[in-house]
Amino acid sequence: MKVLIIGASGTIGKAITKEFEKKHDVIRAGRNGADVSVDNTSVESIIEMYDQVGKVDAVVNAAGGANFASISDLTPELNEKGIESKLKGQINLVLIGKDYVKDGGSFTLTTGVMMDDPIPLGASAAMANGGVKSFVKAASIEMPRGIRINCVSPNIVQESWEKLGGFFAGFEPVPAIRVARAFVKSVEGAQTGQNYEVY
């Protein structure tokens, strides 16, 4: 398969790429160090990416960010990052990309543990994750041409624990490889409308 991986240079993205490269033709997309450049907050950039890449069998997204802030400090402006990147950015990859994915292909987006197991400062990210999960579930019943759509909800990964573990008191981190295998399940399997939890 020809698999487009967005966010391929990130911690989870690298693990996903390594897994898919074992069997498939991988195209790495992202802001830095990728085969194709893309900014998922820009519709024009997403269109340019798909035009450059052409038809693919699967689109995998491991990109998207949000600001961490307490509700007392969270402003509409700070919240906008999660909306533009984590929420709209991922949804636009599907809305624009559906014409570039082959019949019977797939999309796999990324949510996260915070939407179901909240942490302090994580409301904005949880909002975006929950929106993506709901979009995937609803979109799956009417995706055209047999295209499937799923998302993966990772826990904090071991590789990020030193940097981010302070936000996740009491959580048990998981290896990034376990998260990557959930993306493989989504792409190579037959299910649709799923949110694969890796906890």
N, C-alpha and C. Protein backbone atom coordinates (compact mmCIF):
# COMPACT_ATOMS: atom_id res chain seq x y z
N MET A 1 0.83 -1.20 0.00
CA MET A 1 0.00 0.00 0.00
C MET A 1 0.86 1.25 0.00
N LYS A 2 0.31 2.31 -0.54
CA LYS A 2 0.93 3.63 -0.47
C LYS A 2 0.29 4.36 0.70
N VAL A 3 1.09 4.62 1.75
CA VAL A 3 0.57 5.18 3.00
C VAL A 3 1.18 6.55 3.24
N LEU A 4 0.32 7.55 3.38
CA LEU A 4 0.74 8.91 3.69
C LEU A 4 0.66 9.10 5.20
N ILE A 5 1.80 9.42 5.83
CA ILE A 5 1.84 9.61 7.28
C ILE A 5 2.15 11.07 7.58
N ILE A 6 1.20 11.76 8.18
CA ILE A 6 1.36 13.16 8.53
C ILE A 6 1.79 13.24 9.99
N GLY A 7 2.82 14.04 10.26
CA GLY A 7 3.40 14.07 11.60
C GLY A 7 4.40 12.95 11.79
N ALA A 8 5.04 12.54 10.69
CA ALA A 8 5.92 11.37 10.71
C ALA A 8 7.19 11.59 11.52
N SER A 9 7.56 12.83 11.79
CA SER A 9 8.81 13.09 12.51
C SER A 9 8.61 13.23 14.02
N GLY A 10 7.37 13.16 14.49
CA GLY A 10 7.10 13.24 15.92
C GLY A 10 7.41 11.93 16.63
N THR A 11 7.27 11.93 17.94
CA THR A 11 7.61 10.74 18.73
C THR A 11 6.77 9.54 18.31
N ILE A 12 5.46 9.72 18.26
CA ILE A 12 4.58 8.62 17.83
C ILE A 12 4.68 8.42 16.33
N GLY A 13 4.80 9.52 15.58
CA GLY A 13 4.91 9.44 14.13
C GLY A 13 6.10 8.60 13.68
N LYS A 14 7.23 8.72 14.36
CA LYS A 14 8.41 7.92 14.01
C LYS A 14 8.14 6.43 14.21
N ALA A 15 7.46 6.10 15.31
CA ALA A 15 7.14 4.69 15.58
C ALA A 15 6.16 4.15 14.54
N ILE A 16 5.19 4.96 14.17
CA ILE A 16 4.22 4.55 13.13
C ILE A 16 4.94 4.31 11.81
N THR A 17 5.80 5.26 11.44
CA THR A 17 6.53 5.15 10.17
C THR A 17 7.38 3.89 10.13
N LYS A 18 8.07 3.61 11.22
CA LYS A 18 8.92 2.42 11.29
C LYS A 18 8.12 1.14 11.07
N GLU A 19 6.93 1.08 11.66
CA GLU A 19 6.08 -0.10 11.49
C GLU A 19 5.59 -0.25 10.05
N PHE A 20 5.13 0.84 9.46
CA PHE A 20 4.57 0.76 8.11
C PHE A 20 5.64 0.52 7.05
N GLU A 21 6.85 1.01 7.29
CA GLU A 21 7.92 0.83 6.30
C GLU A 21 8.31 -0.63 6.13
N LYS A 22 7.93 -1.48 7.07
CA LYS A 22 8.25 -2.90 6.96
C LYS A 22 7.52 -3.56 5.78
N LYS A 23 6.33 -3.03 5.45
CA LYS A 23 5.49 -3.68 4.43
C LYS A 23 4.99 -2.76 3.34
N HIS A 24 5.02 -1.45 3.56
CA HIS A 24 4.34 -0.54 2.64
C HIS A 24 5.24 0.58 2.13
N ASP A 25 4.78 1.24 1.09
CA ASP A 25 5.45 2.41 0.54
C ASP A 25 4.97 3.62 1.34
N VAL A 26 5.86 4.21 2.13
CA VAL A 26 5.48 5.29 3.05
C VAL A 26 5.91 6.65 2.50
N ILE A 27 5.02 7.61 2.57
CA ILE A 27 5.34 9.01 2.27
C ILE A 27 5.20 9.78 3.57
N ARG A 28 6.28 10.41 4.00
CA ARG A 28 6.28 11.15 5.27
C ARG A 28 5.95 12.62 5.00
N ALA A 29 4.97 13.13 5.74
CA ALA A 29 4.57 14.53 5.60
C ALA A 29 4.65 15.23 6.96
N GLY A 30 4.97 16.51 6.94
CA GLY A 30 5.04 17.27 8.17
C GLY A 30 5.65 18.63 7.93
N ARG A 31 5.84 19.36 9.02
CA ARG A 31 6.43 20.70 8.91
C ARG A 31 7.93 20.63 8.69
N ASN A 32 8.58 19.59 9.25
CA ASN A 32 10.04 19.49 9.18
C ASN A 32 10.48 18.07 8.86
N GLY A 33 11.59 17.94 8.17
CA GLY A 33 12.23 16.65 7.94
C GLY A 33 11.34 15.61 7.32
N ALA A 34 10.56 16.00 6.32
CA ALA A 34 9.61 15.07 5.70
C ALA A 34 9.81 15.04 4.19
N ASP A 35 9.18 14.05 3.55
CA ASP A 35 9.20 13.98 2.09
C ASP A 35 8.36 15.10 1.48
N VAL A 36 7.28 15.44 2.17
CA VAL A 36 6.34 16.46 1.71
C VAL A 36 6.05 17.41 2.86
N SER A 37 6.03 18.69 2.58
CA SER A 37 5.76 19.69 3.62
C SER A 37 4.26 19.94 3.72
N VAL A 38 3.77 20.05 4.97
CA VAL A 38 2.35 20.38 5.17
C VAL A 38 2.16 21.07 6.52
N ASP A 39 1.25 22.02 6.53
CA ASP A 39 0.77 22.68 7.75
C ASP A 39 -0.72 22.35 7.84
N ASN A 40 -1.09 21.49 8.79
CA ASN A 40 -2.47 21.01 8.80
C ASN A 40 -3.47 22.07 9.28
N THR A 41 -2.99 23.25 9.66
CA THR A 41 -3.92 24.34 9.99
C THR A 41 -4.28 25.17 8.76
N SER A 42 -3.68 24.84 7.62
CA SER A 42 -3.91 25.59 6.38
C SER A 42 -4.55 24.70 5.33
N VAL A 43 -5.75 25.07 4.90
CA VAL A 43 -6.44 24.31 3.84
C VAL A 43 -5.59 24.29 2.58
N GLU A 44 -5.00 25.43 2.24
CA GLU A 44 -4.18 25.51 1.03
C GLU A 44 -2.99 24.56 1.10
N SER A 45 -2.35 24.48 2.27
CA SER A 45 -1.21 23.58 2.44
C SER A 45 -1.62 22.12 2.33
N ILE A 46 -2.79 21.78 2.88
CA ILE A 46 -3.28 20.40 2.78
C ILE A 46 -3.55 20.03 1.32
N ILE A 47 -4.17 20.95 0.59
CA ILE A 47 -4.45 20.71 -0.84
C ILE A 47 -3.14 20.50 -1.60
N GLU A 48 -2.16 21.36 -1.34
CA GLU A 48 -0.86 21.25 -2.01
C GLU A 48 -0.20 19.91 -1.71
N MET A 49 -0.30 19.45 -0.46
CA MET A 49 0.27 18.16 -0.09
C MET A 49 -0.37 17.04 -0.89
N TYR A 50 -1.69 17.00 -0.91
CA TYR A 50 -2.38 15.92 -1.63
C TYR A 50 -2.10 15.99 -3.13
N ASP A 51 -2.04 17.20 -3.70
CA ASP A 51 -1.72 17.33 -5.12
C ASP A 51 -0.33 16.80 -5.42
N GLN A 52 0.61 17.02 -4.52
CA GLN A 52 1.97 16.56 -4.71
C GLN A 52 2.08 15.05 -4.57
N VAL A 53 1.33 14.50 -3.63
CA VAL A 53 1.42 13.06 -3.33
C VAL A 53 0.60 12.22 -4.31
N GLY A 54 -0.56 12.72 -4.71
CA GLY A 54 -1.44 11.96 -5.59
C GLY A 54 -2.25 10.92 -4.83
N LYS A 55 -2.73 9.93 -5.54
CA LYS A 55 -3.60 8.91 -4.94
C LYS A 55 -2.84 8.06 -3.93
N VAL A 56 -3.49 7.78 -2.80
CA VAL A 56 -2.90 6.93 -1.77
C VAL A 56 -3.92 5.91 -1.30
N ASP A 57 -3.42 4.85 -0.66
CA ASP A 57 -4.31 3.83 -0.10
C ASP A 57 -4.75 4.17 1.31
N ALA A 58 -3.89 4.90 2.03
CA ALA A 58 -4.21 5.21 3.43
C ALA A 58 -3.58 6.54 3.83
N VAL A 59 -4.32 7.28 4.64
CA VAL A 59 -3.82 8.50 5.25
C VAL A 59 -3.81 8.28 6.76
N VAL A 60 -2.64 8.48 7.37
CA VAL A 60 -2.47 8.33 8.81
C VAL A 60 -2.03 9.67 9.36
N ASN A 61 -2.72 10.17 10.37
CA ASN A 61 -2.33 11.45 10.95
C ASN A 61 -1.89 11.29 12.40
N ALA A 62 -0.66 11.75 12.67
CA ALA A 62 -0.14 11.77 14.04
C ALA A 62 0.24 13.19 14.44
N ALA A 63 -0.30 14.17 13.72
CA ALA A 63 0.01 15.58 13.99
C ALA A 63 -1.19 16.27 14.61
N GLY A 64 -0.90 17.34 15.33
CA GLY A 64 -1.97 18.15 15.92
C GLY A 64 -1.63 18.52 17.34
N GLY A 65 -1.80 19.78 17.67
CA GLY A 65 -1.45 20.23 19.00
C GLY A 65 -2.55 21.02 19.67
N ALA A 66 -2.36 21.29 20.95
CA ALA A 66 -3.29 22.10 21.74
C ALA A 66 -2.50 22.73 22.88
N ASN A 67 -2.98 23.83 23.38
CA ASN A 67 -2.34 24.48 24.52
C ASN A 67 -2.80 23.85 25.84
N PHE A 68 -1.87 23.70 26.74
CA PHE A 68 -2.17 23.21 28.09
C PHE A 68 -2.32 24.43 29.00
N ALA A 69 -3.50 24.59 29.56
CA ALA A 69 -3.77 25.72 30.45
C ALA A 69 -4.94 25.38 31.35
N SER A 70 -4.93 25.94 32.56
CA SER A 70 -6.06 25.75 33.47
C SER A 70 -7.28 26.47 32.91
N ILE A 71 -8.45 26.04 33.32
CA ILE A 71 -9.68 26.72 32.88
C ILE A 71 -9.64 28.19 33.28
N SER A 72 -9.05 28.51 34.44
CA SER A 72 -8.95 29.90 34.88
C SER A 72 -8.13 30.74 33.91
N ASP A 73 -7.12 30.11 33.27
CA ASP A 73 -6.23 30.83 32.37
C ASP A 73 -6.55 30.62 30.89
N LEU A 74 -7.39 29.64 30.59
CA LEU A 74 -7.69 29.32 29.19
C LEU A 74 -8.55 30.42 28.58
N THR A 75 -8.06 31.01 27.51
CA THR A 75 -8.78 32.06 26.80
C THR A 75 -9.24 31.52 25.45
N PRO A 76 -10.18 32.20 24.79
CA PRO A 76 -10.55 31.78 23.44
C PRO A 76 -9.34 31.71 22.50
N GLU A 77 -8.39 32.63 22.69
CA GLU A 77 -7.22 32.65 21.82
C GLU A 77 -6.34 31.42 22.06
N LEU A 78 -6.11 31.06 23.33
CA LEU A 78 -5.33 29.86 23.64
C LEU A 78 -6.04 28.59 23.18
N ASN A 79 -7.34 28.57 23.33
CA ASN A 79 -8.13 27.40 22.93
C ASN A 79 -8.10 27.19 21.42
N GLU A 80 -7.87 28.27 20.69
CA GLU A 80 -7.94 28.20 19.24
C GLU A 80 -6.92 27.23 18.64
N LYS A 81 -5.77 27.07 19.30
CA LYS A 81 -4.76 26.15 18.77
C LYS A 81 -5.31 24.73 18.66
N GLY A 82 -6.00 24.27 19.71
CA GLY A 82 -6.59 22.94 19.68
C GLY A 82 -7.65 22.80 18.60
N ILE A 83 -8.42 23.87 18.42
CA ILE A 83 -9.47 23.85 17.39
C ILE A 83 -8.85 23.81 16.00
N GLU A 84 -7.90 24.69 15.74
CA GLU A 84 -7.31 24.81 14.41
C GLU A 84 -6.45 23.61 14.03
N SER A 85 -5.68 23.09 14.98
CA SER A 85 -4.72 22.04 14.68
C SER A 85 -5.27 20.64 14.95
N LYS A 86 -5.58 20.37 16.20
CA LYS A 86 -5.99 19.01 16.60
C LYS A 86 -7.36 18.63 16.05
N LEU A 87 -8.28 19.60 16.02
CA LEU A 87 -9.66 19.31 15.60
C LEU A 87 -9.85 19.56 14.10
N LYS A 88 -9.86 20.84 13.70
CA LYS A 88 -10.11 21.16 12.30
C LYS A 88 -9.04 20.62 11.37
N GLY A 89 -7.78 20.67 11.83
CA GLY A 89 -6.70 20.18 10.99
C GLY A 89 -6.91 18.74 10.58
N GLN A 90 -7.29 17.90 11.54
CA GLN A 90 -7.50 16.48 11.24
C GLN A 90 -8.75 16.27 10.38
N ILE A 91 -9.81 16.97 10.71
CA ILE A 91 -11.05 16.82 9.94
C ILE A 91 -10.84 17.28 8.50
N ASN A 92 -10.09 18.37 8.32
CA ASN A 92 -9.83 18.85 6.96
C ASN A 92 -8.98 17.87 6.16
N LEU A 93 -8.12 17.11 6.82
CA LEU A 93 -7.36 16.07 6.12
C LEU A 93 -8.31 15.05 5.48
N VAL A 94 -9.43 14.81 6.14
CA VAL A 94 -10.43 13.88 5.61
C VAL A 94 -11.30 14.54 4.54
N LEU A 95 -11.83 15.72 4.86
CA LEU A 95 -12.74 16.39 3.93
C LEU A 95 -12.06 16.68 2.59
N ILE A 96 -10.81 17.10 2.64
CA ILE A 96 -10.06 17.37 1.41
C ILE A 96 -9.50 16.08 0.83
N GLY A 97 -9.06 15.18 1.69
CA GLY A 97 -8.35 13.99 1.24
C GLY A 97 -9.20 12.87 0.70
N LYS A 98 -10.50 12.91 0.95
CA LYS A 98 -11.33 11.77 0.52
C LYS A 98 -11.28 11.54 -0.99
N ASP A 99 -11.03 12.59 -1.75
CA ASP A 99 -10.93 12.43 -3.21
C ASP A 99 -9.58 11.89 -3.65
N TYR A 100 -8.62 11.84 -2.73
CA TYR A 100 -7.28 11.35 -3.05
C TYR A 100 -7.06 9.93 -2.54
N VAL A 101 -7.96 9.43 -1.72
CA VAL A 101 -7.83 8.07 -1.18
C VAL A 101 -8.55 7.10 -2.11
N LYS A 102 -7.86 6.02 -2.44
CA LYS A 102 -8.40 5.04 -3.37
C LYS A 102 -9.62 4.32 -2.80
N ASP A 103 -10.42 3.72 -3.66
CA ASP A 103 -11.57 2.93 -3.23
C ASP A 103 -11.11 1.89 -2.20
N GLY A 104 -11.85 1.79 -1.10
CA GLY A 104 -11.52 0.82 -0.07
C GLY A 104 -10.35 1.21 0.79
N GLY A 105 -9.87 2.46 0.65
CA GLY A 105 -8.75 2.93 1.45
C GLY A 105 -9.19 3.35 2.85
N SER A 106 -8.33 4.09 3.54
CA SER A 106 -8.67 4.43 4.92
C SER A 106 -8.01 5.71 5.39
N PHE A 107 -8.62 6.30 6.41
CA PHE A 107 -8.06 7.39 7.19
C PHE A 107 -7.92 6.91 8.63
N THR A 108 -6.82 7.28 9.28
CA THR A 108 -6.67 7.03 10.72
C THR A 108 -6.19 8.32 11.36
N LEU A 109 -7.01 8.86 12.28
CA LEU A 109 -6.70 10.10 12.97
C LEU A 109 -6.24 9.80 14.40
N THR A 110 -5.86 10.84 15.13
CA THR A 110 -5.35 10.65 16.50
C THR A 110 -6.19 11.44 17.50
N THR A 111 -6.65 10.76 18.55
CA THR A 111 -7.34 11.42 19.66
C THR A 111 -6.38 11.37 20.86
N GLY A 112 -6.82 10.90 22.01
CA GLY A 112 -5.90 10.82 23.15
C GLY A 112 -6.62 10.54 24.45
N VAL A 113 -5.86 10.04 25.41
CA VAL A 113 -6.38 9.59 26.68
C VAL A 113 -7.12 10.68 27.46
N MET A 114 -6.73 11.94 27.27
CA MET A 114 -7.27 13.03 28.09
C MET A 114 -8.76 13.25 27.93
N MET A 115 -9.33 12.82 26.80
CA MET A 115 -10.77 13.04 26.60
C MET A 115 -11.60 12.11 27.49
N ASP A 116 -11.03 10.97 27.88
CA ASP A 116 -11.75 10.01 28.71
C ASP A 116 -11.22 9.94 30.13
N ASP A 117 -9.99 10.38 30.33
CA ASP A 117 -9.33 10.32 31.64
C ASP A 117 -8.68 11.69 31.86
N PRO A 118 -9.47 12.69 32.27
CA PRO A 118 -9.00 14.08 32.27
C PRO A 118 -7.82 14.33 33.19
N ILE A 119 -7.00 15.30 32.79
CA ILE A 119 -5.88 15.75 33.61
C ILE A 119 -6.00 17.27 33.79
N PRO A 120 -5.43 17.81 34.86
CA PRO A 120 -5.39 19.26 35.00
C PRO A 120 -4.68 19.89 33.80
N LEU A 121 -5.16 21.01 33.36
CA LEU A 121 -4.63 21.79 32.23
C LEU A 121 -4.99 21.18 30.87
N GLY A 122 -5.75 20.10 30.84
CA GLY A 122 -5.97 19.38 29.59
C GLY A 122 -7.32 19.58 28.93
N ALA A 123 -8.11 20.55 29.38
CA ALA A 123 -9.48 20.69 28.85
C ALA A 123 -9.51 20.99 27.36
N SER A 124 -8.59 21.83 26.89
CA SER A 124 -8.59 22.20 25.48
C SER A 124 -8.27 21.00 24.59
N ALA A 125 -7.25 20.24 24.99
CA ALA A 125 -6.89 19.04 24.23
C ALA A 125 -8.01 18.01 24.28
N ALA A 126 -8.64 17.85 25.45
CA ALA A 126 -9.75 16.90 25.58
C ALA A 126 -10.90 17.26 24.66
N MET A 127 -11.21 18.57 24.58
CA MET A 127 -12.27 19.05 23.70
C MET A 127 -11.99 18.65 22.25
N ALA A 128 -10.76 18.91 21.81
CA ALA A 128 -10.41 18.60 20.42
C ALA A 128 -10.44 17.10 20.16
N ASN A 129 -9.89 16.32 21.10
CA ASN A 129 -9.90 14.86 20.96
C ASN A 129 -11.32 14.31 20.86
N GLY A 130 -12.19 14.80 21.74
CA GLY A 130 -13.58 14.33 21.73
C GLY A 130 -14.29 14.68 20.44
N GLY A 131 -14.00 15.85 19.90
CA GLY A 131 -14.59 16.24 18.63
C GLY A 131 -14.15 15.34 17.49
N VAL A 132 -12.87 14.99 17.48
CA VAL A 132 -12.35 14.09 16.44
C VAL A 132 -13.00 12.72 16.55
N LYS A 133 -13.10 12.22 17.78
CA LYS A 133 -13.71 10.90 17.99
C LYS A 133 -15.15 10.88 17.48
N SER A 134 -15.92 11.91 17.79
CA SER A 134 -17.31 11.97 17.35
C SER A 134 -17.41 12.09 15.83
N PHE A 135 -16.52 12.90 15.24
CA PHE A 135 -16.51 13.03 13.78
C PHE A 135 -16.24 11.69 13.12
N VAL A 136 -15.25 10.96 13.62
CA VAL A 136 -14.90 9.67 13.04
C VAL A 136 -16.08 8.70 13.11
N LYS A 137 -16.72 8.65 14.25
CA LYS A 137 -17.85 7.72 14.42
C LYS A 137 -18.98 8.06 13.46
N ALA A 138 -19.31 9.35 13.35
CA ALA A 138 -20.42 9.78 12.49
C ALA A 138 -20.06 9.68 11.01
N ALA A 139 -18.83 10.07 10.66
CA ALA A 139 -18.41 10.04 9.25
C ALA A 139 -18.34 8.62 8.71
N SER A 140 -18.04 7.67 9.58
CA SER A 140 -17.83 6.29 9.12
C SER A 140 -19.05 5.69 8.44
N ILE A 141 -20.24 6.17 8.80
CA ILE A 141 -21.45 5.56 8.22
C ILE A 141 -21.77 6.07 6.82
N GLU A 142 -21.03 7.10 6.38
CA GLU A 142 -21.32 7.61 5.04
C GLU A 142 -20.08 7.96 4.22
N MET A 143 -18.94 7.38 4.59
CA MET A 143 -17.75 7.58 3.77
C MET A 143 -17.96 6.96 2.39
N PRO A 144 -17.52 7.65 1.34
CA PRO A 144 -17.77 7.15 -0.02
C PRO A 144 -16.83 6.02 -0.42
N ARG A 145 -17.23 5.24 -1.40
CA ARG A 145 -16.38 4.27 -2.10
C ARG A 145 -15.70 3.26 -1.20
N GLY A 146 -16.38 2.90 -0.10
CA GLY A 146 -15.83 1.88 0.79
C GLY A 146 -14.65 2.35 1.61
N ILE A 147 -14.42 3.65 1.69
CA ILE A 147 -13.32 4.18 2.49
C ILE A 147 -13.67 4.04 3.98
N ARG A 148 -12.71 3.55 4.76
CA ARG A 148 -12.90 3.41 6.19
C ARG A 148 -12.25 4.57 6.93
N ILE A 149 -12.73 4.84 8.15
CA ILE A 149 -12.13 5.88 8.98
C ILE A 149 -12.16 5.45 10.45
N ASN A 150 -11.01 5.56 11.10
CA ASN A 150 -10.87 5.24 12.53
C ASN A 150 -9.99 6.28 13.19
N CYS A 151 -9.88 6.19 14.51
CA CYS A 151 -8.90 7.00 15.23
C CYS A 151 -8.24 6.16 16.31
N VAL A 152 -7.08 6.61 16.74
CA VAL A 152 -6.32 5.94 17.79
C VAL A 152 -6.21 6.89 18.96
N SER A 153 -6.49 6.37 20.16
CA SER A 153 -6.42 7.17 21.39
C SER A 153 -5.26 6.66 22.24
N PRO A 154 -4.08 7.30 22.10
CA PRO A 154 -2.94 6.83 22.87
C PRO A 154 -2.87 7.41 24.28
N ASN A 155 -2.33 6.62 25.16
CA ASN A 155 -1.93 7.09 26.48
C ASN A 155 -0.63 7.89 26.30
N ILE A 156 -0.14 8.51 27.35
CA ILE A 156 1.18 9.10 27.33
C ILE A 156 2.19 7.98 27.02
N VAL A 157 3.12 8.24 26.11
CA VAL A 157 4.07 7.19 25.73
C VAL A 157 5.36 7.30 26.55
N GLN A 158 6.00 6.16 26.72
CA GLN A 158 7.23 6.10 27.52
C GLN A 158 8.29 7.07 27.00
N GLU A 159 8.35 7.21 25.68
CA GLU A 159 9.36 8.05 25.06
C GLU A 159 9.16 9.54 25.37
N SER A 160 7.98 9.92 25.80
CA SER A 160 7.69 11.32 26.15
C SER A 160 7.57 11.54 27.65
N TRP A 161 7.76 10.48 28.43
CA TRP A 161 7.50 10.56 29.86
C TRP A 161 8.39 11.58 30.56
N GLU A 162 9.67 11.60 30.20
CA GLU A 162 10.59 12.52 30.85
C GLU A 162 10.17 13.98 30.63
N LYS A 163 9.67 14.27 29.45
CA LYS A 163 9.28 15.64 29.09
C LYS A 163 7.87 15.99 29.58
N LEU A 164 6.94 15.05 29.49
CA LEU A 164 5.52 15.35 29.74
C LEU A 164 4.91 14.62 30.93
N GLY A 165 5.67 13.71 31.54
CA GLY A 165 5.11 12.88 32.60
C GLY A 165 4.54 13.68 33.77
N GLY A 166 5.07 14.87 34.01
CA GLY A 166 4.56 15.70 35.10
C GLY A 166 3.10 16.08 34.95
N PHE A 167 2.60 16.07 33.71
CA PHE A 167 1.19 16.36 33.47
C PHE A 167 0.29 15.15 33.75
N PHE A 168 0.88 13.96 33.82
CA PHE A 168 0.10 12.72 33.86
C PHE A 168 0.37 11.93 35.14
N ALA A 169 0.11 12.56 36.27
CA ALA A 169 0.34 11.92 37.56
C ALA A 169 -0.45 10.62 37.69
N GLY A 170 0.25 9.54 38.02
CA GLY A 170 -0.40 8.26 38.24
C GLY A 170 -0.69 7.45 37.00
N PHE A 171 -0.41 8.00 35.82
CA PHE A 171 -0.64 7.26 34.58
C PHE A 171 0.49 6.26 34.36
N GLU A 172 0.20 5.18 33.67
CA GLU A 172 1.20 4.19 33.31
C GLU A 172 1.53 4.37 31.83
N PRO A 173 2.71 4.90 31.51
CA PRO A 173 3.02 5.15 30.10
C PRO A 173 3.13 3.86 29.30
N VAL A 174 2.88 3.97 28.01
CA VAL A 174 2.96 2.82 27.11
C VAL A 174 4.06 3.06 26.08
N PRO A 175 4.67 1.99 25.55
CA PRO A 175 5.69 2.18 24.51
C PRO A 175 5.03 2.70 23.22
N ALA A 176 5.73 3.57 22.51
CA ALA A 176 5.20 4.12 21.26
C ALA A 176 4.89 3.01 20.25
N ILE A 177 5.64 1.91 20.30
CA ILE A 177 5.40 0.80 19.37
C ILE A 177 4.00 0.23 19.53
N ARG A 178 3.50 0.20 20.79
CA ARG A 178 2.12 -0.30 20.99
C ARG A 178 1.11 0.62 20.34
N VAL A 179 1.36 1.92 20.41
CA VAL A 179 0.48 2.88 19.75
C VAL A 179 0.54 2.69 18.24
N ALA A 180 1.75 2.53 17.72
CA ALA A 180 1.93 2.34 16.28
C ALA A 180 1.15 1.14 15.77
N ARG A 181 1.12 0.08 16.56
CA ARG A 181 0.41 -1.14 16.12
C ARG A 181 -1.09 -0.92 16.02
N ALA A 182 -1.63 0.01 16.80
CA ALA A 182 -3.05 0.34 16.68
C ALA A 182 -3.33 1.00 15.33
N PHE A 183 -2.38 1.80 14.85
CA PHE A 183 -2.52 2.41 13.53
C PHE A 183 -2.45 1.34 12.43
N VAL A 184 -1.58 0.36 12.62
CA VAL A 184 -1.50 -0.75 11.67
C VAL A 184 -2.82 -1.51 11.65
N LYS A 185 -3.40 -1.74 12.81
CA LYS A 185 -4.69 -2.43 12.89
C LYS A 185 -5.75 -1.67 12.11
N SER A 186 -5.74 -0.35 12.24
CA SER A 186 -6.72 0.47 11.53
C SER A 186 -6.55 0.39 10.02
N VAL A 187 -5.29 0.49 9.56
CA VAL A 187 -5.03 0.53 8.12
C VAL A 187 -5.18 -0.84 7.47
N GLU A 188 -4.63 -1.86 8.10
CA GLU A 188 -4.61 -3.19 7.48
C GLU A 188 -5.84 -4.02 7.81
N GLY A 189 -6.62 -3.60 8.80
CA GLY A 189 -7.82 -4.34 9.20
C GLY A 189 -9.03 -3.96 8.37
N ALA A 190 -10.21 -4.29 8.90
CA ALA A 190 -11.45 -4.06 8.16
C ALA A 190 -12.46 -3.21 8.92
N GLN A 191 -12.13 -2.81 10.13
CA GLN A 191 -13.10 -2.07 10.94
C GLN A 191 -13.17 -0.60 10.53
N THR A 192 -14.29 0.03 10.87
CA THR A 192 -14.46 1.45 10.62
C THR A 192 -15.27 2.08 11.74
N GLY A 193 -15.06 3.38 11.96
CA GLY A 193 -15.78 4.09 13.00
C GLY A 193 -15.26 3.83 14.40
N GLN A 194 -14.07 3.23 14.50
CA GLN A 194 -13.52 2.82 15.79
C GLN A 194 -12.58 3.88 16.38
N ASN A 195 -12.49 3.89 17.71
CA ASN A 195 -11.48 4.65 18.43
C ASN A 195 -10.67 3.63 19.21
N TYR A 196 -9.48 3.31 18.69
CA TYR A 196 -8.65 2.27 19.31
C TYR A 196 -7.90 2.86 20.50
N GLU A 197 -8.23 2.40 21.69
CA GLU A 197 -7.60 2.90 22.90
C GLU A 197 -6.34 2.11 23.20
N VAL A 198 -5.24 2.81 23.44
CA VAL A 198 -3.97 2.17 23.79
C VAL A 198 -3.58 2.66 25.16
N TYR A 199 -4.02 1.96 26.22
CA TYR A 199 -3.80 2.39 27.60
C TYR A 199 -2.98 1.39 28.37
